[in-house]
Amino acid sequence: MGERTKNVQDGNIGETLEGLAAVIHGRRDASPETSYTAKLLQGKEDSLLKKLAEEASEVIMACKDDDHEHIRYEAGDLVYHLMVTLERYGVTLEELAGELDARRR
C-alpha cells in the first residue's frame, strides 16, 4: 500500500474521469522510461493485467479491514489501472457509459 492521500475533498466524478482519460490518452506516445502510464500502455500485456488484478485484490482487502480511507485509496488505484486498460484496448468512456446505461434499462 502506498501513502494515503491527505486532504481529499469530494469532486465531480464525470469531470474527474474525463480528465483522467484525457491524460492517459495523452501518454500513449510518451516515453515509457519517463511515464509510468506509457510503460503500462506500451509494455507487456501481462504486466498491466497483473497490476489490474493486484489493485482489485487490494480493494477487497481494504474492504475486509473496513477501513474507509484505505478503500478509497485502493479504489483510486483500481480505477486508474482500469482506465489505462480501457485505453490500451480502445474502449472509450462513452462506450463504457453506453454499456452501463444499457444495463439500467
PDB file of N, CA and C in Angstrom:
ATOM      1  N   MET A   1       0.849  -1.185   0.000  1.00  0.00           N
ATOM      2  CA  MET A   1       0.000   0.000   0.000  1.00  0.00           C
ATOM      3  C   MET A   1       0.887   1.238   0.000  1.00  0.00           C
ATOM      4  N   GLY A   2       0.495   2.217  -0.803  1.00  0.00           N
ATOM      5  CA  GLY A   2       1.205   3.484  -0.833  1.00  0.00           C
ATOM      6  C   GLY A   2       0.756   4.374   0.304  1.00  0.00           C
ATOM      7  N   GLU A   3       1.335   5.535   0.341  1.00  0.00           N
ATOM      8  CA  GLU A   3       0.961   6.510   1.376  1.00  0.00           C
ATOM      9  C   GLU A   3      -0.413   7.073   1.052  1.00  0.00           C
ATOM     10  N   ARG A   4      -1.272   7.087   2.046  1.00  0.00           N
ATOM     11  CA  ARG A   4      -2.643   7.558   1.826  1.00  0.00           C
ATOM     12  C   ARG A   4      -2.658   9.043   1.490  1.00  0.00           C
ATOM     13  N   THR A   5      -3.585   9.408   0.627  1.00  0.00           N
ATOM     14  CA  THR A   5      -3.734  10.774   0.171  1.00  0.00           C
ATOM     15  C   THR A   5      -4.317  11.626   1.287  1.00  0.00           C
ATOM     16  N   LYS A   6      -3.751  12.799   1.476  1.00  0.00           N
ATOM     17  CA  LYS A   6      -4.229  13.709   2.525  1.00  0.00           C
ATOM     18  C   LYS A   6      -5.147  14.771   1.918  1.00  0.00           C
ATOM     19  N   ASN A   7      -6.012  15.322   2.739  1.00  0.00           N
ATOM     20  CA  ASN A   7      -6.882  16.442   2.360  1.00  0.00           C
ATOM     21  C   ASN A   7      -7.744  16.158   1.126  1.00  0.00           C
ATOM     22  N   VAL A   8      -8.320  14.966   1.069  1.00  0.00           N
ATOM     23  CA  VAL A   8      -9.186  14.609  -0.053  1.00  0.00           C
ATOM     24  C   VAL A   8     -10.526  15.310   0.103  1.00  0.00           C
ATOM     25  N   GLN A   9     -10.981  15.933  -0.969  1.00  0.00           N
ATOM     26  CA  GLN A   9     -12.285  16.607  -0.972  1.00  0.00           C
ATOM     27  C   GLN A   9     -13.147  15.983  -2.064  1.00  0.00           C
ATOM     28  N   ASP A  10     -14.444  15.996  -1.871  1.00  0.00           N
ATOM     29  CA  ASP A  10     -15.355  15.464  -2.877  1.00  0.00           C
ATOM     30  C   ASP A  10     -15.152  16.187  -4.207  1.00  0.00           C
ATOM     31  N   GLY A  11     -15.370  15.466  -5.291  1.00  0.00           N
ATOM     32  CA  GLY A  11     -15.235  16.036  -6.622  1.00  0.00           C
ATOM     33  C   GLY A  11     -16.384  15.602  -7.506  1.00  0.00           C
ATOM     34  N   ASN A  12     -16.312  15.979  -8.775  1.00  0.00           N
ATOM     35  CA  ASN A  12     -17.309  15.613  -9.772  1.00  0.00           C
ATOM     36  C   ASN A  12     -16.761  14.418 -10.552  1.00  0.00           C
ATOM     37  N   ILE A  13     -17.370  13.240 -10.366  1.00  0.00           N
ATOM     38  CA  ILE A  13     -16.809  12.013 -10.944  1.00  0.00           C
ATOM     39  C   ILE A  13     -16.726  12.068 -12.467  1.00  0.00           C
ATOM     40  N   GLY A  14     -17.716  12.654 -13.119  1.00  0.00           N
ATOM     41  CA  GLY A  14     -17.678  12.740 -14.578  1.00  0.00           C
ATOM     42  C   GLY A  14     -16.495  13.558 -15.063  1.00  0.00           C
ATOM     43  N   GLU A  15     -16.321  14.735 -14.475  1.00  0.00           N
ATOM     44  CA  GLU A  15     -15.197  15.595 -14.861  1.00  0.00           C
ATOM     45  C   GLU A  15     -13.869  14.927 -14.545  1.00  0.00           C
ATOM     46  N   THR A  16     -13.799  14.278 -13.397  1.00  0.00           N
ATOM     47  CA  THR A  16     -12.560  13.632 -12.978  1.00  0.00           C
ATOM     48  C   THR A  16     -12.186  12.506 -13.931  1.00  0.00           C
ATOM     49  N   LEU A  17     -13.148  11.644 -14.263  1.00  0.00           N
ATOM     50  CA  LEU A  17     -12.859  10.530 -15.163  1.00  0.00           C
ATOM     51  C   LEU A  17     -12.519  11.021 -16.569  1.00  0.00           C
ATOM     52  N   GLU A  18     -13.214  12.040 -17.050  1.00  0.00           N
ATOM     53  CA  GLU A  18     -12.906  12.585 -18.372  1.00  0.00           C
ATOM     54  C   GLU A  18     -11.504  13.190 -18.398  1.00  0.00           C
ATOM     55  N   GLY A  19     -11.147  13.906 -17.340  1.00  0.00           N
ATOM     56  CA  GLY A  19      -9.812  14.486 -17.273  1.00  0.00           C
ATOM     57  C   GLY A  19      -8.732  13.421 -17.199  1.00  0.00           C
ATOM     58  N   LEU A  20      -8.978  12.394 -16.384  1.00  0.00           N
ATOM     59  CA  LEU A  20      -8.016  11.307 -16.270  1.00  0.00           C
ATOM     60  C   LEU A  20      -7.885  10.561 -17.594  1.00  0.00           C
ATOM     61  N   ALA A  21      -8.995  10.309 -18.265  1.00  0.00           N
ATOM     62  CA  ALA A  21      -8.954   9.628 -19.559  1.00  0.00           C
ATOM     63  C   ALA A  21      -8.125  10.426 -20.570  1.00  0.00           C
ATOM     64  N   ALA A  22      -8.265  11.747 -20.545  1.00  0.00           N
ATOM     65  CA  ALA A  22      -7.504  12.594 -21.467  1.00  0.00           C
ATOM     66  C   ALA A  22      -6.004  12.517 -21.168  1.00  0.00           C
ATOM     67  N   VAL A  23      -5.650  12.537 -19.895  1.00  0.00           N
ATOM     68  CA  VAL A  23      -4.232  12.433 -19.524  1.00  0.00           C
ATOM     69  C   VAL A  23      -3.671  11.081 -19.955  1.00  0.00           C
ATOM     70  N   ILE A  24      -4.412  10.006 -19.676  1.00  0.00           N
ATOM     71  CA  ILE A  24      -3.960   8.667 -20.048  1.00  0.00           C
ATOM     72  C   ILE A  24      -3.795   8.570 -21.560  1.00  0.00           C
ATOM     73  N   HIS A  25      -4.763   9.068 -22.318  1.00  0.00           N
ATOM     74  CA  HIS A  25      -4.682   9.039 -23.775  1.00  0.00           C
ATOM     75  C   HIS A  25      -3.446   9.818 -24.257  1.00  0.00           C
ATOM     76  N   GLY A  26      -3.177  10.937 -23.622  1.00  0.00           N
ATOM     77  CA  GLY A  26      -2.034  11.749 -24.000  1.00  0.00           C
ATOM     78  C   GLY A  26      -0.696  11.083 -23.729  1.00  0.00           C
ATOM     79  N   ARG A  27      -0.676  10.105 -22.851  1.00  0.00           N
ATOM     80  CA  ARG A  27       0.562   9.392 -22.523  1.00  0.00           C
ATOM     81  C   ARG A  27       0.819   8.209 -23.458  1.00  0.00           C
ATOM     82  N   ARG A  28      -0.109   7.955 -24.370  1.00  0.00           N
ATOM     83  CA  ARG A  28       0.014   6.805 -25.267  1.00  0.00           C
ATOM     84  C   ARG A  28       1.346   6.814 -26.022  1.00  0.00           C
ATOM     85  N   ASP A  29       1.801   7.975 -26.444  1.00  0.00           N
ATOM     86  CA  ASP A  29       3.039   8.072 -27.229  1.00  0.00           C
ATOM     87  C   ASP A  29       4.216   8.611 -26.423  1.00  0.00           C
ATOM     88  N   ALA A  30       4.042   8.734 -25.122  1.00  0.00           N
ATOM     89  CA  ALA A  30       5.133   9.224 -24.275  1.00  0.00           C
ATOM     90  C   ALA A  30       6.189   8.128 -24.105  1.00  0.00           C
ATOM     91  N   SER A  31       7.308   8.515 -23.577  1.00  0.00           N
ATOM     92  CA  SER A  31       8.386   7.554 -23.345  1.00  0.00           C
ATOM     93  C   SER A  31       8.074   6.699 -22.116  1.00  0.00           C
ATOM     94  N   PRO A  32       8.129   5.383 -22.266  1.00  0.00           N
ATOM     95  CA  PRO A  32       7.912   4.504 -21.115  1.00  0.00           C
ATOM     96  C   PRO A  32       8.986   4.661 -20.037  1.00  0.00           C
ATOM     97  N   GLU A  33      10.105   5.257 -20.416  1.00  0.00           N
ATOM     98  CA  GLU A  33      11.182   5.473 -19.457  1.00  0.00           C
ATOM     99  C   GLU A  33      10.867   6.627 -18.508  1.00  0.00           C
ATOM    100  N   THR A  34       9.988   7.540 -18.944  1.00  0.00           N
ATOM    101  CA  THR A  34       9.673   8.708 -18.110  1.00  0.00           C
ATOM    102  C   THR A  34       8.227   8.746 -17.647  1.00  0.00           C
ATOM    103  N   SER A  35       7.383   7.851 -18.168  1.00  0.00           N
ATOM    104  CA  SER A  35       5.968   7.866 -17.825  1.00  0.00           C
ATOM    105  C   SER A  35       5.499   6.458 -17.447  1.00  0.00           C
ATOM    106  N   TYR A  36       5.046   6.316 -16.207  1.00  0.00           N
ATOM    107  CA  TYR A  36       4.506   5.038 -15.748  1.00  0.00           C
ATOM    108  C   TYR A  36       3.305   4.632 -16.603  1.00  0.00           C
ATOM    109  N   THR A  37       2.457   5.589 -16.936  1.00  0.00           N
ATOM    110  CA  THR A  37       1.281   5.306 -17.752  1.00  0.00           C
ATOM    111  C   THR A  37       1.702   4.792 -19.128  1.00  0.00           C
ATOM    112  N   ALA A  38       2.681   5.439 -19.751  1.00  0.00           N
ATOM    113  CA  ALA A  38       3.176   4.988 -21.055  1.00  0.00           C
ATOM    114  C   ALA A  38       3.757   3.586 -20.949  1.00  0.00           C
ATOM    115  N   LYS A  39       4.434   3.305 -19.866  1.00  0.00           N
ATOM    116  CA  LYS A  39       5.000   1.967 -19.646  1.00  0.00           C
ATOM    117  C   LYS A  39       3.885   0.920 -19.605  1.00  0.00           C
ATOM    118  N   LEU A  40       2.781   1.246 -18.925  1.00  0.00           N
ATOM    119  CA  LEU A  40       1.650   0.319 -18.860  1.00  0.00           C
ATOM    120  C   LEU A  40       0.981   0.160 -20.228  1.00  0.00           C
ATOM    121  N   LEU A  41       0.868   1.250 -20.964  1.00  0.00           N
ATOM    122  CA  LEU A  41       0.205   1.213 -22.272  1.00  0.00           C
ATOM    123  C   LEU A  41       1.032   0.490 -23.328  1.00  0.00           C
ATOM    124  N   GLN A  42       2.357   0.637 -23.254  1.00  0.00           N
ATOM    125  CA  GLN A  42       3.230   0.111 -24.302  1.00  0.00           C
ATOM    126  C   GLN A  42       3.953  -1.168 -23.913  1.00  0.00           C
ATOM    127  N   GLY A  43       3.958  -1.478 -22.640  1.00  0.00           N
ATOM    128  CA  GLY A  43       4.711  -2.629 -22.153  1.00  0.00           C
ATOM    129  C   GLY A  43       3.999  -3.944 -22.380  1.00  0.00           C
ATOM    130  N   LYS A  44       4.496  -4.951 -21.698  1.00  0.00           N
ATOM    131  CA  LYS A  44       3.917  -6.278 -21.821  1.00  0.00           C
ATOM    132  C   LYS A  44       2.483  -6.278 -21.305  1.00  0.00           C
ATOM    133  N   GLU A  45       1.625  -6.927 -22.075  1.00  0.00           N
ATOM    134  CA  GLU A  45       0.209  -7.010 -21.716  1.00  0.00           C
ATOM    135  C   GLU A  45       0.028  -7.590 -20.314  1.00  0.00           C
ATOM    136  N   ASP A  46       0.762  -8.649 -20.011  1.00  0.00           N
ATOM    137  CA  ASP A  46       0.607  -9.306 -18.714  1.00  0.00           C
ATOM    138  C   ASP A  46       0.952  -8.389 -17.544  1.00  0.00           C
ATOM    139  N   SER A  47       1.878  -7.480 -17.738  1.00  0.00           N
ATOM    140  CA  SER A  47       2.244  -6.561 -16.657  1.00  0.00           C
ATOM    141  C   SER A  47       1.057  -5.697 -16.255  1.00  0.00           C
ATOM    142  N   LEU A  48       0.360  -5.163 -17.241  1.00  0.00           N
ATOM    143  CA  LEU A  48      -0.813  -4.331 -16.960  1.00  0.00           C
ATOM    144  C   LEU A  48      -1.932  -5.164 -16.346  1.00  0.00           C
ATOM    145  N   LEU A  49      -2.202  -6.324 -16.906  1.00  0.00           N
ATOM    146  CA  LEU A  49      -3.305  -7.146 -16.418  1.00  0.00           C
ATOM    147  C   LEU A  49      -3.038  -7.659 -15.002  1.00  0.00           C
ATOM    148  N   LYS A  50      -1.796  -7.989 -14.706  1.00  0.00           N
ATOM    149  CA  LYS A  50      -1.446  -8.400 -13.335  1.00  0.00           C
ATOM    150  C   LYS A  50      -1.624  -7.239 -12.366  1.00  0.00           C
ATOM    151  N   LYS A  51      -1.269  -6.046 -12.796  1.00  0.00           N
ATOM    152  CA  LYS A  51      -1.429  -4.866 -11.945  1.00  0.00           C
ATOM    153  C   LYS A  51      -2.904  -4.608 -11.678  1.00  0.00           C
ATOM    154  N   LEU A  52      -3.748  -4.771 -12.685  1.00  0.00           N
ATOM    155  CA  LEU A  52      -5.188  -4.598 -12.516  1.00  0.00           C
ATOM    156  C   LEU A  52      -5.724  -5.595 -11.492  1.00  0.00           C
ATOM    157  N   ALA A  53      -5.316  -6.843 -11.593  1.00  0.00           N
ATOM    158  CA  ALA A  53      -5.749  -7.869 -10.641  1.00  0.00           C
ATOM    159  C   ALA A  53      -5.241  -7.564  -9.231  1.00  0.00           C
ATOM    160  N   GLU A  54      -4.012  -7.101  -9.129  1.00  0.00           N
ATOM    161  CA  GLU A  54      -3.435  -6.749  -7.832  1.00  0.00           C
ATOM    162  C   GLU A  54      -4.241  -5.627  -7.169  1.00  0.00           C
ATOM    163  N   GLU A  55      -4.578  -4.620  -7.944  1.00  0.00           N
ATOM    164  CA  GLU A  55      -5.326  -3.488  -7.381  1.00  0.00           C
ATOM    165  C   GLU A  55      -6.728  -3.917  -6.955  1.00  0.00           C
ATOM    166  N   ALA A  56      -7.360  -4.793  -7.728  1.00  0.00           N
ATOM    167  CA  ALA A  56      -8.679  -5.304  -7.335  1.00  0.00           C
ATOM    168  C   ALA A  56      -8.577  -6.054  -6.011  1.00  0.00           C
ATOM    169  N   SER A  57      -7.542  -6.850  -5.862  1.00  0.00           N
ATOM    170  CA  SER A  57      -7.330  -7.585  -4.606  1.00  0.00           C
ATOM    171  C   SER A  57      -7.113  -6.635  -3.436  1.00  0.00           C
ATOM    172  N   GLU A  58      -6.403  -5.549  -3.668  1.00  0.00           N
ATOM    173  CA  GLU A  58      -6.148  -4.590  -2.596  1.00  0.00           C
ATOM    174  C   GLU A  58      -7.426  -3.883  -2.162  1.00  0.00           C
ATOM    175  N   VAL A  59      -8.344  -3.635  -3.101  1.00  0.00           N
ATOM    176  CA  VAL A  59      -9.647  -3.071  -2.733  1.00  0.00           C
ATOM    177  C   VAL A  59     -10.392  -4.068  -1.847  1.00  0.00           C
ATOM    178  N   ILE A  60     -10.366  -5.315  -2.236  1.00  0.00           N
ATOM    179  CA  ILE A  60     -11.048  -6.351  -1.457  1.00  0.00           C
ATOM    180  C   ILE A  60     -10.483  -6.412  -0.040  1.00  0.00           C
ATOM    181  N   MET A  61      -9.181  -6.395   0.090  1.00  0.00           N
ATOM    182  CA  MET A  61      -8.562  -6.479   1.419  1.00  0.00           C
ATOM    183  C   MET A  61      -8.885  -5.248   2.259  1.00  0.00           C
ATOM    184  N   ALA A  62      -8.919  -4.091   1.643  1.00  0.00           N
ATOM    185  CA  ALA A  62      -9.281  -2.865   2.375  1.00  0.00           C
ATOM    186  C   ALA A  62     -10.717  -2.955   2.863  1.00  0.00           C
ATOM    187  N   CYS A  63     -11.590  -3.535   2.048  1.00  0.00           N
ATOM    188  CA  CYS A  63     -12.988  -3.721   2.464  1.00  0.00           C
ATOM    189  C   CYS A  63     -13.068  -4.698   3.631  1.00  0.00           C
ATOM    190  N   LYS A  64     -12.282  -5.760   3.564  1.00  0.00           N
ATOM    191  CA  LYS A  64     -12.268  -6.734   4.668  1.00  0.00           C
ATOM    192  C   LYS A  64     -11.822  -6.082   5.972  1.00  0.00           C
ATOM    193  N   ASP A  65     -10.944  -5.081   5.870  1.00  0.00           N
ATOM    194  CA  ASP A  65     -10.472  -4.350   7.051  1.00  0.00           C
ATOM    195  C   ASP A  65     -11.462  -3.273   7.481  1.00  0.00           C
ATOM    196  N   ASP A  66     -12.480  -3.025   6.655  1.00  0.00           N
ATOM    197  CA  ASP A  66     -13.489  -1.996   6.925  1.00  0.00           C
ATOM    198  C   ASP A  66     -12.838  -0.640   7.223  1.00  0.00           C
ATOM    199  N   ASP A  67     -11.867  -0.286   6.360  1.00  0.00           N
ATOM    200  CA  ASP A  67     -11.092   0.947   6.524  1.00  0.00           C
ATOM    201  C   ASP A  67     -11.460   1.899   5.384  1.00  0.00           C
ATOM    202  N   HIS A  68     -12.341   2.848   5.677  1.00  0.00           N
ATOM    203  CA  HIS A  68     -12.901   3.747   4.664  1.00  0.00           C
ATOM    204  C   HIS A  68     -11.826   4.453   3.843  1.00  0.00           C
ATOM    205  N   GLU A  69     -10.854   5.065   4.488  1.00  0.00           N
ATOM    206  CA  GLU A  69      -9.812   5.801   3.758  1.00  0.00           C
ATOM    207  C   GLU A  69      -8.979   4.862   2.894  1.00  0.00           C
ATOM    208  N   HIS A  70      -8.705   3.677   3.407  1.00  0.00           N
ATOM    209  CA  HIS A  70      -7.916   2.706   2.643  1.00  0.00           C
ATOM    210  C   HIS A  70      -8.708   2.200   1.438  1.00  0.00           C
ATOM    211  N   ILE A  71     -10.011   1.979   1.616  1.00  0.00           N
ATOM    212  CA  ILE A  71     -10.864   1.567   0.499  1.00  0.00           C
ATOM    213  C   ILE A  71     -10.830   2.635  -0.589  1.00  0.00           C
ATOM    214  N   ARG A  72     -11.009   3.898  -0.196  1.00  0.00           N
ATOM    215  CA  ARG A  72     -10.996   4.999  -1.172  1.00  0.00           C
ATOM    216  C   ARG A  72      -9.663   5.052  -1.905  1.00  0.00           C
ATOM    217  N   TYR A  73      -8.572   4.924  -1.172  1.00  0.00           N
ATOM    218  CA  TYR A  73      -7.234   4.986  -1.757  1.00  0.00           C
ATOM    219  C   TYR A  73      -7.032   3.861  -2.780  1.00  0.00           C
ATOM    220  N   GLU A  74      -7.354   2.642  -2.379  1.00  0.00           N
ATOM    221  CA  GLU A  74      -7.156   1.497  -3.272  1.00  0.00           C
ATOM    222  C   GLU A  74      -8.129   1.539  -4.450  1.00  0.00           C
ATOM    223  N   ALA A  75      -9.343   2.035  -4.228  1.00  0.00           N
ATOM    224  CA  ALA A  75     -10.303   2.182  -5.330  1.00  0.00           C
ATOM    225  C   ALA A  75      -9.756   3.164  -6.364  1.00  0.00           C
ATOM    226  N   GLY A  76      -9.090   4.209  -5.913  1.00  0.00           N
ATOM    227  CA  GLY A  76      -8.461   5.150  -6.839  1.00  0.00           C
ATOM    228  C   GLY A  76      -7.417   4.459  -7.708  1.00  0.00           C
ATOM    229  N   ASP A  77      -6.590   3.615  -7.082  1.00  0.00           N
ATOM    230  CA  ASP A  77      -5.599   2.854  -7.852  1.00  0.00           C
ATOM    231  C   ASP A  77      -6.281   1.927  -8.858  1.00  0.00           C
ATOM    232  N   LEU A  78      -7.343   1.256  -8.419  1.00  0.00           N
ATOM    233  CA  LEU A  78      -8.051   0.323  -9.294  1.00  0.00           C
ATOM    234  C   LEU A  78      -8.670   1.045 -10.486  1.00  0.00           C
ATOM    235  N   VAL A  79      -9.325   2.173 -10.236  1.00  0.00           N
ATOM    236  CA  VAL A  79      -9.962   2.919 -11.330  1.00  0.00           C
ATOM    237  C   VAL A  79      -8.903   3.412 -12.319  1.00  0.00           C
ATOM    238  N   TYR A  80      -7.786   3.930 -11.804  1.00  0.00           N
ATOM    239  CA  TYR A  80      -6.706   4.379 -12.687  1.00  0.00           C
ATOM    240  C   TYR A  80      -6.234   3.232 -13.588  1.00  0.00           C
ATOM    241  N   HIS A  81      -5.940   2.086 -12.990  1.00  0.00           N
ATOM    242  CA  HIS A  81      -5.428   0.968 -13.776  1.00  0.00           C
ATOM    243  C   HIS A  81      -6.489   0.408 -14.724  1.00  0.00           C
ATOM    244  N   LEU A  82      -7.749   0.452 -14.320  1.00  0.00           N
ATOM    245  CA  LEU A  82      -8.828   0.040 -15.227  1.00  0.00           C
ATOM    246  C   LEU A  82      -8.901   0.990 -16.418  1.00  0.00           C
ATOM    247  N   MET A  83      -8.768   2.272 -16.161  1.00  0.00           N
ATOM    248  CA  MET A  83      -8.833   3.250 -17.254  1.00  0.00           C
ATOM    249  C   MET A  83      -7.639   3.108 -18.202  1.00  0.00           C
ATOM    250  N   VAL A  84      -6.478   2.787 -17.668  1.00  0.00           N
ATOM    251  CA  VAL A  84      -5.326   2.517 -18.536  1.00  0.00           C
ATOM    252  C   VAL A  84      -5.609   1.280 -19.388  1.00  0.00           C
ATOM    253  N   THR A  85      -6.213   0.268 -18.783  1.00  0.00           N
ATOM    254  CA  THR A  85      -6.571  -0.947 -19.514  1.00  0.00           C
ATOM    255  C   THR A  85      -7.563  -0.632 -20.633  1.00  0.00           C
ATOM    256  N   LEU A  86      -8.573   0.165 -20.316  1.00  0.00           N
ATOM    257  CA  LEU A  86      -9.548   0.540 -21.337  1.00  0.00           C
ATOM    258  C   LEU A  86      -8.870   1.288 -22.486  1.00  0.00           C
ATOM    259  N   GLU A  87      -7.971   2.199 -22.177  1.00  0.00           N
ATOM    260  CA  GLU A  87      -7.244   2.944 -23.211  1.00  0.00           C
ATOM    261  C   GLU A  87      -6.414   1.996 -24.058  1.00  0.00           C
ATOM    262  N   ARG A  88      -5.733   1.084 -23.420  1.00  0.00           N
ATOM    263  CA  ARG A  88      -4.871   0.146 -24.163  1.00  0.00           C
ATOM    264  C   ARG A  88      -5.677  -0.670 -25.166  1.00  0.00           C
ATOM    265  N   TYR A  89      -6.903  -1.027 -24.795  1.00  0.00           N
ATOM    266  CA  TYR A  89      -7.720  -1.874 -25.655  1.00  0.00           C
ATOM    267  C   TYR A  89      -8.769  -1.096 -26.452  1.00  0.00           C
ATOM    268  N   GLY A  90      -8.682   0.238 -26.405  1.00  0.00           N
ATOM    269  CA  GLY A  90      -9.511   1.069 -27.268  1.00  0.00           C
ATOM    270  C   GLY A  90     -10.968   1.202 -26.853  1.00  0.00           C
ATOM    271  N   VAL A  91     -11.260   1.006 -25.582  1.00  0.00           N
ATOM    272  CA  VAL A  91     -12.625   1.185 -25.080  1.00  0.00           C
ATOM    273  C   VAL A  91     -12.731   2.599 -24.508  1.00  0.00           C
ATOM    274  N   THR A  92     -13.617   3.408 -25.074  1.00  0.00           N
ATOM    275  CA  THR A  92     -13.757   4.796 -24.626  1.00  0.00           C
ATOM    276  C   THR A  92     -14.693   4.898 -23.422  1.00  0.00           C
ATOM    277  N   LEU A  93     -14.608   6.023 -22.735  1.00  0.00           N
ATOM    278  CA  LEU A  93     -15.532   6.270 -21.632  1.00  0.00           C
ATOM    279  C   LEU A  93     -16.965   6.322 -22.133  1.00  0.00           C
ATOM    280  N   GLU A  94     -17.162   6.828 -23.337  1.00  0.00           N
ATOM    281  CA  GLU A  94     -18.504   6.893 -23.916  1.00  0.00           C
ATOM    282  C   GLU A  94     -19.065   5.488 -24.146  1.00  0.00           C
ATOM    283  N   GLU A  95     -18.223   4.585 -24.617  1.00  0.00           N
ATOM    284  CA  GLU A  95     -18.656   3.201 -24.803  1.00  0.00           C
ATOM    285  C   GLU A  95     -18.999   2.555 -23.456  1.00  0.00           C
ATOM    286  N   LEU A  96     -18.158   2.807 -22.469  1.00  0.00           N
ATOM    287  CA  LEU A  96     -18.410   2.267 -21.136  1.00  0.00           C
ATOM    288  C   LEU A  96     -19.718   2.814 -20.579  1.00  0.00           C
ATOM    289  N   ALA A  97     -19.933   4.107 -20.757  1.00  0.00           N
ATOM    290  CA  ALA A  97     -21.190   4.720 -20.301  1.00  0.00           C
ATOM    291  C   ALA A  97     -22.378   4.081 -21.015  1.00  0.00           C
ATOM    292  N   GLY A  98     -22.247   3.847 -22.312  1.00  0.00           N
ATOM    293  CA  GLY A  98     -23.311   3.206 -23.068  1.00  0.00           C
ATOM    294  C   GLY A  98     -23.610   1.805 -22.556  1.00  0.00           C
ATOM    295  N   GLU A  99     -22.563   1.073 -22.236  1.00  0.00           N
ATOM    296  CA  GLU A  99     -22.737  -0.268 -21.677  1.00  0.00           C
ATOM    297  C   GLU A  99     -23.491  -0.210 -20.347  1.00  0.00           C
ATOM    298  N   LEU A 100     -23.073   0.691 -19.477  1.00  0.00           N
ATOM    299  CA  LEU A 100     -23.718   0.818 -18.171  1.00  0.00           C
ATOM    300  C   LEU A 100     -25.162   1.317 -18.306  1.00  0.00           C
ATOM    301  N   ASP A 101     -25.375   2.278 -19.205  1.00  0.00           N
ATOM    302  CA  ASP A 101     -26.726   2.793 -19.435  1.00  0.00           C
ATOM    303  C   ASP A 101     -27.654   1.688 -19.941  1.00  0.00           C
ATOM    304  N   ALA A 102     -27.157   0.855 -20.856  1.00  0.00           N
ATOM    305  CA  ALA A 102     -27.981  -0.227 -21.409  1.00  0.00           C
ATOM    306  C   ALA A 102     -28.399  -1.215 -20.325  1.00  0.00           C
ATOM    307  N   ARG A 103     -27.601  -1.353 -19.307  1.00  0.00           N
ATOM    308  CA  ARG A 103     -27.920  -2.293 -18.224  1.00  0.00           C
ATOM    309  C   ARG A 103     -28.982  -1.734 -17.283  1.00  0.00           C
ATOM    310  N   ARG A 104     -29.175  -0.432 -17.284  1.00  0.00           N
ATOM    311  CA  ARG A 104     -30.182   0.174 -16.410  1.00  0.00           C
ATOM    312  C   ARG A 104     -31.569   0.075 -17.005  1.00  0.00           C
ATOM    313  N   ARG A 105     -31.672  -0.204 -18.265  1.00  0.00           N
ATOM    314  CA  ARG A 105     -32.968  -0.187 -18.951  1.00  0.00           C
ATOM    315  C   ARG A 105     -33.714  -1.482 -18.752  1.00  0.00           C
TER     316      ARG A 105
END
